Amino acid sequence: STSDIVAEGFTETPALHLQWPVDGEVVLEFAMDHSVYFPTLAQYQYNPAMIISAAEGTEVLCGAGGTVIDVGKTNEYGHYVTMDLGNGFEITYGQLFDITTEVGEVLETGDRIALVAYPTRNYTEEGENLYLKLTQDGVAVDPELYLE
């Protein structure tokens, strides 16, 4: 029957509810099925994250409760914090300074993580922003699908 076919292929999306970590417009959308134009790099490329406009010094708040699993720095999106949110989900907040958390710390939704930093050289034309990347089982997924 048709219902058996639907039931076999059906995978439930794990419940994840994200609050916006900053108040701002999306400057560069998540795009893994097509390329988007990066003004600073002057090229089209895939984007595994959302780039959200936010003034330097803006508080970055935890979008969902979880455990901090990495704090570090990359050339691409600067200082960052990565958290394990459960159900295979991990979230990375980048373009940060004044990070107030450390690996192993458990944070609740709305807790302060850091402040928005001046953008790295990869994002100067996009302006001051928060880099927000969400993965599920290691695969980049669109954070906007889970933001409330």
N, C-alpha and C. Protein backbone atom coordinates (compact mmCIF):
# COMPACT_ATOMS: atom_id res chain seq x y z
N SER A 1 0.84 -1.20 0.00
CA SER A 1 0.00 0.00 0.00
C SER A 1 0.88 1.26 0.00
N THR A 2 0.30 2.38 -0.34
CA THR A 2 1.03 3.65 -0.39
C THR A 2 1.56 4.05 0.98
N SER A 3 0.79 3.82 2.02
CA SER A 3 1.22 4.22 3.36
C SER A 3 2.46 3.46 3.80
N ASP A 4 2.61 2.19 3.37
CA ASP A 4 3.82 1.43 3.70
C ASP A 4 5.04 2.05 3.04
N ILE A 5 4.91 2.47 1.80
CA ILE A 5 6.03 3.08 1.07
C ILE A 5 6.45 4.38 1.74
N VAL A 6 5.49 5.19 2.10
CA VAL A 6 5.77 6.46 2.77
C VAL A 6 6.45 6.19 4.11
N ALA A 7 5.94 5.23 4.86
CA ALA A 7 6.49 4.93 6.19
C ALA A 7 7.94 4.46 6.08
N GLU A 8 8.27 3.65 5.07
CA GLU A 8 9.65 3.16 4.91
C GLU A 8 10.63 4.29 4.67
N GLY A 9 10.28 5.24 3.82
CA GLY A 9 11.18 6.32 3.47
C GLY A 9 11.14 7.50 4.41
N PHE A 10 10.28 7.44 5.40
CA PHE A 10 10.08 8.58 6.30
C PHE A 10 11.15 8.61 7.38
N THR A 11 11.85 9.73 7.47
CA THR A 11 12.78 9.94 8.58
C THR A 11 12.35 11.20 9.29
N GLU A 12 12.14 11.08 10.56
CA GLU A 12 11.68 12.23 11.34
C GLU A 12 12.85 13.17 11.57
N THR A 13 12.62 14.45 11.34
CA THR A 13 13.64 15.46 11.62
C THR A 13 13.68 15.64 13.14
N PRO A 14 14.87 15.44 13.74
CA PRO A 14 14.95 15.64 15.19
C PRO A 14 14.55 17.07 15.55
N ALA A 15 13.82 17.20 16.63
CA ALA A 15 13.36 18.53 17.06
C ALA A 15 14.55 19.36 17.51
N LEU A 16 14.70 20.50 16.89
CA LEU A 16 15.72 21.45 17.30
C LEU A 16 15.11 22.82 17.13
N HIS A 17 15.14 23.59 18.19
CA HIS A 17 14.58 24.93 18.14
C HIS A 17 15.70 25.91 18.47
N LEU A 18 16.03 26.75 17.50
CA LEU A 18 17.09 27.74 17.68
C LEU A 18 16.49 29.13 17.83
N GLN A 19 17.01 29.86 18.80
CA GLN A 19 16.68 31.28 18.88
C GLN A 19 17.76 32.04 18.12
N TRP A 20 17.41 33.19 17.55
CA TRP A 20 18.40 34.01 16.86
C TRP A 20 19.46 34.44 17.87
N PRO A 21 20.74 34.19 17.58
CA PRO A 21 21.80 34.56 18.52
C PRO A 21 22.10 36.06 18.53
N VAL A 22 21.76 36.74 17.44
CA VAL A 22 21.88 38.20 17.33
C VAL A 22 20.67 38.69 16.55
N ASP A 23 20.38 39.96 16.69
CA ASP A 23 19.29 40.58 15.95
C ASP A 23 19.89 41.19 14.69
N GLY A 24 19.62 40.62 13.54
CA GLY A 24 20.20 41.18 12.32
C GLY A 24 19.66 40.53 11.08
N GLU A 25 19.97 41.14 9.95
CA GLU A 25 19.55 40.63 8.65
C GLU A 25 20.53 39.58 8.16
N VAL A 26 20.05 38.63 7.38
CA VAL A 26 20.94 37.63 6.78
C VAL A 26 21.63 38.29 5.59
N VAL A 27 22.96 38.38 5.65
CA VAL A 27 23.76 39.01 4.60
C VAL A 27 24.09 38.00 3.51
N LEU A 28 24.45 36.80 3.92
CA LEU A 28 24.72 35.70 2.99
C LEU A 28 23.97 34.48 3.49
N GLU A 29 23.09 33.96 2.65
CA GLU A 29 22.28 32.82 3.03
C GLU A 29 23.07 31.51 2.96
N PHE A 30 22.61 30.53 3.70
CA PHE A 30 23.13 29.16 3.60
C PHE A 30 22.86 28.70 2.17
N ALA A 31 23.85 28.11 1.51
CA ALA A 31 23.65 27.68 0.13
C ALA A 31 24.61 26.54 -0.20
N MET A 32 24.12 25.31 -0.06
CA MET A 32 24.95 24.16 -0.42
C MET A 32 24.45 23.50 -1.71
N ASP A 33 23.28 23.95 -2.21
CA ASP A 33 22.77 23.38 -3.46
C ASP A 33 22.99 24.33 -4.64
N HIS A 34 23.50 25.53 -4.36
CA HIS A 34 23.86 26.49 -5.40
C HIS A 34 24.91 27.44 -4.82
N SER A 35 25.62 28.14 -5.68
CA SER A 35 26.64 29.06 -5.17
C SER A 35 26.03 30.46 -4.98
N VAL A 36 26.60 31.20 -4.05
CA VAL A 36 26.19 32.58 -3.80
C VAL A 36 27.42 33.47 -3.93
N TYR A 37 27.19 34.75 -4.22
CA TYR A 37 28.29 35.68 -4.44
C TYR A 37 28.81 36.22 -3.11
N PHE A 38 30.11 36.07 -2.91
CA PHE A 38 30.80 36.61 -1.74
C PHE A 38 31.50 37.89 -2.18
N PRO A 39 30.99 39.07 -1.81
CA PRO A 39 31.58 40.33 -2.28
C PRO A 39 33.07 40.48 -1.97
N THR A 40 33.50 40.15 -0.75
CA THR A 40 34.90 40.31 -0.38
C THR A 40 35.81 39.45 -1.25
N LEU A 41 35.40 38.21 -1.48
CA LEU A 41 36.21 37.28 -2.27
C LEU A 41 36.01 37.48 -3.77
N ALA A 42 34.99 38.26 -4.13
CA ALA A 42 34.65 38.54 -5.53
C ALA A 42 34.49 37.25 -6.33
N GLN A 43 33.78 36.30 -5.72
CA GLN A 43 33.53 35.04 -6.41
C GLN A 43 32.29 34.36 -5.86
N TYR A 44 31.77 33.45 -6.67
CA TYR A 44 30.64 32.62 -6.26
C TYR A 44 31.19 31.36 -5.61
N GLN A 45 30.58 30.95 -4.52
CA GLN A 45 30.94 29.68 -3.90
C GLN A 45 29.80 29.19 -3.02
N TYR A 46 29.88 27.92 -2.63
CA TYR A 46 28.88 27.37 -1.72
C TYR A 46 29.09 27.98 -0.35
N ASN A 47 28.01 28.05 0.43
CA ASN A 47 28.10 28.64 1.77
C ASN A 47 27.48 27.69 2.79
N PRO A 48 28.31 27.04 3.62
CA PRO A 48 27.80 26.08 4.61
C PRO A 48 27.27 26.75 5.87
N ALA A 49 27.20 28.07 5.87
CA ALA A 49 26.78 28.82 7.06
C ALA A 49 25.85 29.96 6.66
N MET A 50 25.29 30.62 7.66
CA MET A 50 24.52 31.85 7.47
C MET A 50 25.38 32.99 7.99
N ILE A 51 25.43 34.08 7.25
CA ILE A 51 26.16 35.25 7.71
C ILE A 51 25.11 36.30 8.07
N ILE A 52 25.08 36.66 9.36
CA ILE A 52 24.04 37.55 9.89
C ILE A 52 24.68 38.89 10.27
N SER A 53 24.15 39.96 9.72
CA SER A 53 24.63 41.30 10.02
C SER A 53 24.49 41.59 11.52
N ALA A 54 25.57 42.05 12.13
CA ALA A 54 25.54 42.43 13.55
C ALA A 54 26.73 43.34 13.81
N ALA A 55 26.49 44.45 14.48
CA ALA A 55 27.55 45.42 14.76
C ALA A 55 28.61 44.83 15.68
N GLU A 56 29.85 45.26 15.45
CA GLU A 56 30.95 44.87 16.33
C GLU A 56 30.57 45.23 17.77
N GLY A 57 30.79 44.30 18.70
CA GLY A 57 30.46 44.53 20.10
C GLY A 57 29.07 44.04 20.51
N THR A 58 28.27 43.59 19.53
CA THR A 58 26.95 43.03 19.82
C THR A 58 27.10 41.73 20.60
N GLU A 59 26.28 41.54 21.63
CA GLU A 59 26.30 40.28 22.38
C GLU A 59 25.79 39.14 21.52
N VAL A 60 26.52 38.02 21.54
CA VAL A 60 26.09 36.80 20.85
C VAL A 60 25.54 35.87 21.92
N LEU A 61 24.26 35.52 21.76
CA LEU A 61 23.59 34.67 22.74
C LEU A 61 23.44 33.26 22.20
N CYS A 62 23.47 32.31 23.10
CA CYS A 62 23.36 30.90 22.77
C CYS A 62 21.98 30.63 22.14
N GLY A 63 21.98 30.09 20.92
CA GLY A 63 20.73 29.82 20.20
C GLY A 63 19.98 28.61 20.71
N ALA A 64 20.71 27.68 21.31
CA ALA A 64 20.11 26.46 21.88
C ALA A 64 21.06 25.92 22.93
N GLY A 65 20.50 25.28 23.94
CA GLY A 65 21.32 24.72 25.00
C GLY A 65 22.17 23.56 24.50
N GLY A 66 23.36 23.44 25.07
CA GLY A 66 24.26 22.35 24.71
C GLY A 66 25.59 22.47 25.42
N THR A 67 26.54 21.65 24.97
CA THR A 67 27.87 21.60 25.58
C THR A 67 28.91 22.16 24.62
N VAL A 68 29.75 23.05 25.12
CA VAL A 68 30.83 23.62 24.31
C VAL A 68 31.87 22.52 24.06
N ILE A 69 32.14 22.24 22.76
CA ILE A 69 33.10 21.18 22.43
C ILE A 69 34.37 21.71 21.77
N ASP A 70 34.37 22.98 21.35
CA ASP A 70 35.57 23.55 20.74
C ASP A 70 35.52 25.07 20.82
N VAL A 71 36.67 25.66 21.13
CA VAL A 71 36.86 27.10 21.09
C VAL A 71 38.17 27.30 20.37
N GLY A 72 38.17 28.08 19.30
CA GLY A 72 39.41 28.23 18.55
C GLY A 72 39.37 29.41 17.60
N LYS A 73 40.23 29.34 16.57
CA LYS A 73 40.34 30.43 15.60
C LYS A 73 40.68 29.86 14.23
N THR A 74 40.03 30.39 13.19
CA THR A 74 40.37 30.05 11.81
C THR A 74 40.66 31.35 11.07
N ASN A 75 41.37 31.25 9.95
CA ASN A 75 41.59 32.44 9.12
C ASN A 75 40.29 32.89 8.48
N GLU A 76 39.40 31.93 8.17
CA GLU A 76 38.16 32.26 7.47
C GLU A 76 37.20 33.06 8.32
N TYR A 77 36.81 32.54 9.49
CA TYR A 77 35.78 33.22 10.29
C TYR A 77 36.23 33.54 11.71
N GLY A 78 37.54 33.67 11.90
CA GLY A 78 38.07 34.18 13.17
C GLY A 78 37.84 33.28 14.36
N HIS A 79 37.75 33.92 15.52
CA HIS A 79 37.52 33.18 16.76
C HIS A 79 36.11 32.60 16.74
N TYR A 80 35.99 31.37 17.25
CA TYR A 80 34.69 30.69 17.18
C TYR A 80 34.45 29.83 18.41
N VAL A 81 33.19 29.47 18.59
CA VAL A 81 32.76 28.52 19.63
C VAL A 81 31.87 27.49 18.93
N THR A 82 32.15 26.19 19.15
CA THR A 82 31.31 25.12 18.62
C THR A 82 30.68 24.38 19.79
N MET A 83 29.37 24.10 19.64
CA MET A 83 28.63 23.40 20.69
C MET A 83 27.95 22.16 20.15
N ASP A 84 27.87 21.14 20.98
CA ASP A 84 27.11 19.92 20.69
C ASP A 84 25.71 20.16 21.25
N LEU A 85 24.70 20.10 20.36
CA LEU A 85 23.32 20.35 20.77
C LEU A 85 22.51 19.08 20.96
N GLY A 86 23.15 17.91 20.73
CA GLY A 86 22.45 16.64 20.83
C GLY A 86 21.82 16.24 19.50
N ASN A 87 21.37 15.00 19.38
CA ASN A 87 20.76 14.47 18.16
C ASN A 87 21.64 14.64 16.93
N GLY A 88 22.96 14.66 17.11
CA GLY A 88 23.87 14.80 15.98
C GLY A 88 24.09 16.24 15.53
N PHE A 89 23.42 17.21 16.18
CA PHE A 89 23.55 18.62 15.79
C PHE A 89 24.73 19.28 16.49
N GLU A 90 25.49 20.06 15.71
CA GLU A 90 26.53 20.93 16.26
C GLU A 90 26.36 22.30 15.65
N ILE A 91 26.62 23.33 16.45
CA ILE A 91 26.50 24.71 15.97
C ILE A 91 27.81 25.44 16.21
N THR A 92 28.22 26.23 15.23
CA THR A 92 29.43 27.03 15.35
C THR A 92 29.07 28.50 15.18
N TYR A 93 29.52 29.30 16.14
CA TYR A 93 29.37 30.75 16.09
C TYR A 93 30.76 31.30 15.80
N GLY A 94 30.90 32.11 14.74
CA GLY A 94 32.21 32.66 14.38
C GLY A 94 32.18 34.18 14.30
N GLN A 95 33.35 34.78 14.08
CA GLN A 95 33.55 36.24 14.07
C GLN A 95 33.35 36.79 15.48
N LEU A 96 33.99 36.15 16.46
CA LEU A 96 33.79 36.49 17.87
C LEU A 96 35.02 37.11 18.52
N PHE A 97 34.78 37.86 19.59
CA PHE A 97 35.83 38.23 20.53
C PHE A 97 35.22 38.28 21.91
N ASP A 98 36.05 38.39 22.93
CA ASP A 98 35.60 38.40 24.32
C ASP A 98 34.72 37.17 24.60
N ILE A 99 35.23 36.00 24.21
CA ILE A 99 34.52 34.74 24.43
C ILE A 99 34.50 34.45 25.93
N THR A 100 33.31 34.15 26.46
CA THR A 100 33.16 33.97 27.91
C THR A 100 32.84 32.53 28.29
N THR A 101 33.14 31.59 27.41
CA THR A 101 32.85 30.20 27.70
C THR A 101 34.08 29.36 27.38
N GLU A 102 34.08 28.12 27.82
CA GLU A 102 35.22 27.23 27.55
C GLU A 102 34.72 25.82 27.28
N VAL A 103 35.61 25.01 26.70
CA VAL A 103 35.27 23.63 26.37
C VAL A 103 34.79 22.89 27.62
N GLY A 104 33.69 22.16 27.47
CA GLY A 104 33.11 21.39 28.57
C GLY A 104 31.98 22.09 29.27
N GLU A 105 31.87 23.39 29.08
CA GLU A 105 30.81 24.16 29.74
C GLU A 105 29.46 23.86 29.09
N VAL A 106 28.43 23.73 29.92
CA VAL A 106 27.07 23.51 29.43
C VAL A 106 26.35 24.85 29.49
N LEU A 107 25.82 25.27 28.33
CA LEU A 107 25.12 26.55 28.23
C LEU A 107 23.64 26.34 27.96
N GLU A 108 22.86 27.28 28.41
CA GLU A 108 21.41 27.27 28.17
C GLU A 108 21.09 28.27 27.07
N THR A 109 19.95 28.10 26.43
CA THR A 109 19.48 29.05 25.43
C THR A 109 19.46 30.45 26.04
N GLY A 110 20.06 31.41 25.33
CA GLY A 110 20.07 32.80 25.81
C GLY A 110 21.29 33.19 26.60
N ASP A 111 22.15 32.22 26.98
CA ASP A 111 23.38 32.56 27.69
C ASP A 111 24.32 33.33 26.76
N ARG A 112 25.11 34.26 27.33
CA ARG A 112 26.08 35.03 26.55
C ARG A 112 27.25 34.12 26.18
N ILE A 113 27.65 34.16 24.91
CA ILE A 113 28.79 33.38 24.45
C ILE A 113 30.00 34.28 24.25
N ALA A 114 29.77 35.43 23.60
CA ALA A 114 30.86 36.32 23.22
C ALA A 114 30.27 37.61 22.67
N LEU A 115 31.16 38.42 22.06
CA LEU A 115 30.74 39.62 21.34
C LEU A 115 31.13 39.46 19.87
N VAL A 116 30.41 40.14 18.99
CA VAL A 116 30.74 40.12 17.57
C VAL A 116 32.03 40.91 17.37
N ALA A 117 32.96 40.31 16.64
CA ALA A 117 34.26 40.93 16.36
C ALA A 117 34.22 41.71 15.05
N TYR A 118 35.27 42.48 14.81
CA TYR A 118 35.45 43.09 13.50
C TYR A 118 35.64 41.93 12.53
N PRO A 119 35.05 42.00 11.32
CA PRO A 119 35.10 40.84 10.42
C PRO A 119 36.51 40.47 9.95
N THR A 120 36.71 39.18 9.74
CA THR A 120 37.97 38.70 9.18
C THR A 120 38.10 39.20 7.75
N ARG A 121 39.28 39.07 7.18
CA ARG A 121 39.52 39.59 5.83
C ARG A 121 38.64 38.90 4.78
N ASN A 122 38.07 37.74 5.09
CA ASN A 122 37.17 37.05 4.14
C ASN A 122 35.80 37.70 4.06
N TYR A 123 35.47 38.56 5.03
CA TYR A 123 34.12 39.12 5.11
C TYR A 123 34.08 40.65 5.26
N THR A 124 35.13 41.36 4.86
CA THR A 124 35.15 42.81 5.07
C THR A 124 34.06 43.53 4.29
N GLU A 125 33.78 43.13 3.05
CA GLU A 125 32.75 43.79 2.23
C GLU A 125 31.34 43.49 2.75
N GLU A 126 31.17 42.33 3.37
CA GLU A 126 29.85 41.96 3.91
C GLU A 126 29.52 42.77 5.15
N GLY A 127 30.53 43.34 5.77
CA GLY A 127 30.34 44.15 6.97
C GLY A 127 30.41 43.31 8.23
N GLU A 128 30.24 43.97 9.37
CA GLU A 128 30.31 43.29 10.66
C GLU A 128 29.20 42.26 10.73
N ASN A 129 29.56 41.04 11.21
CA ASN A 129 28.59 39.96 11.14
C ASN A 129 28.90 38.83 12.11
N LEU A 130 27.90 37.96 12.26
CA LEU A 130 28.06 36.71 12.98
C LEU A 130 28.03 35.58 11.96
N TYR A 131 29.02 34.70 12.03
CA TYR A 131 29.07 33.50 11.19
C TYR A 131 28.35 32.42 11.99
N LEU A 132 27.32 31.79 11.39
CA LEU A 132 26.52 30.79 12.10
C LEU A 132 26.41 29.53 11.23
N LYS A 133 27.02 28.46 11.70
CA LYS A 133 27.01 27.20 10.94
C LYS A 133 26.38 26.11 11.79
N LEU A 134 25.46 25.36 11.17
CA LEU A 134 24.79 24.25 11.84
C LEU A 134 25.07 22.98 11.05
N THR A 135 25.47 21.92 11.74
CA THR A 135 25.66 20.63 11.07
C THR A 135 24.84 19.57 11.79
N GLN A 136 24.44 18.56 11.03
CA GLN A 136 23.79 17.38 11.61
C GLN A 136 24.56 16.18 11.10
N ASP A 137 25.11 15.41 12.03
CA ASP A 137 25.95 14.25 11.69
C ASP A 137 27.06 14.65 10.72
N GLY A 138 27.63 15.84 10.95
CA GLY A 138 28.77 16.30 10.17
C GLY A 138 28.43 16.96 8.84
N VAL A 139 27.15 17.02 8.49
CA VAL A 139 26.73 17.61 7.22
C VAL A 139 26.09 18.98 7.49
N ALA A 140 26.53 20.00 6.76
CA ALA A 140 25.98 21.35 6.93
C ALA A 140 24.49 21.36 6.57
N VAL A 141 23.68 21.95 7.45
CA VAL A 141 22.24 22.12 7.22
C VAL A 141 21.89 23.59 7.41
N ASP A 142 20.79 24.02 6.82
CA ASP A 142 20.37 25.41 6.87
C ASP A 142 19.86 25.79 8.26
N PRO A 143 20.57 26.67 8.98
CA PRO A 143 20.10 27.06 10.31
C PRO A 143 18.73 27.72 10.28
N GLU A 144 18.40 28.38 9.16
CA GLU A 144 17.14 29.10 9.07
C GLU A 144 15.93 28.18 9.22
N LEU A 145 16.11 26.89 8.89
CA LEU A 145 15.03 25.92 9.03
C LEU A 145 14.65 25.70 10.50
N TYR A 146 15.57 26.02 11.40
CA TYR A 146 15.37 25.75 12.83
C TYR A 146 15.22 27.02 13.67
N LEU A 147 15.48 28.19 13.06
CA LEU A 147 15.39 29.45 13.80
C LEU A 147 13.95 29.87 14.04
N GLU A 148 13.68 30.38 15.22
CA GLU A 148 12.33 30.81 15.58
C GLU A 148 12.30 32.28 15.89
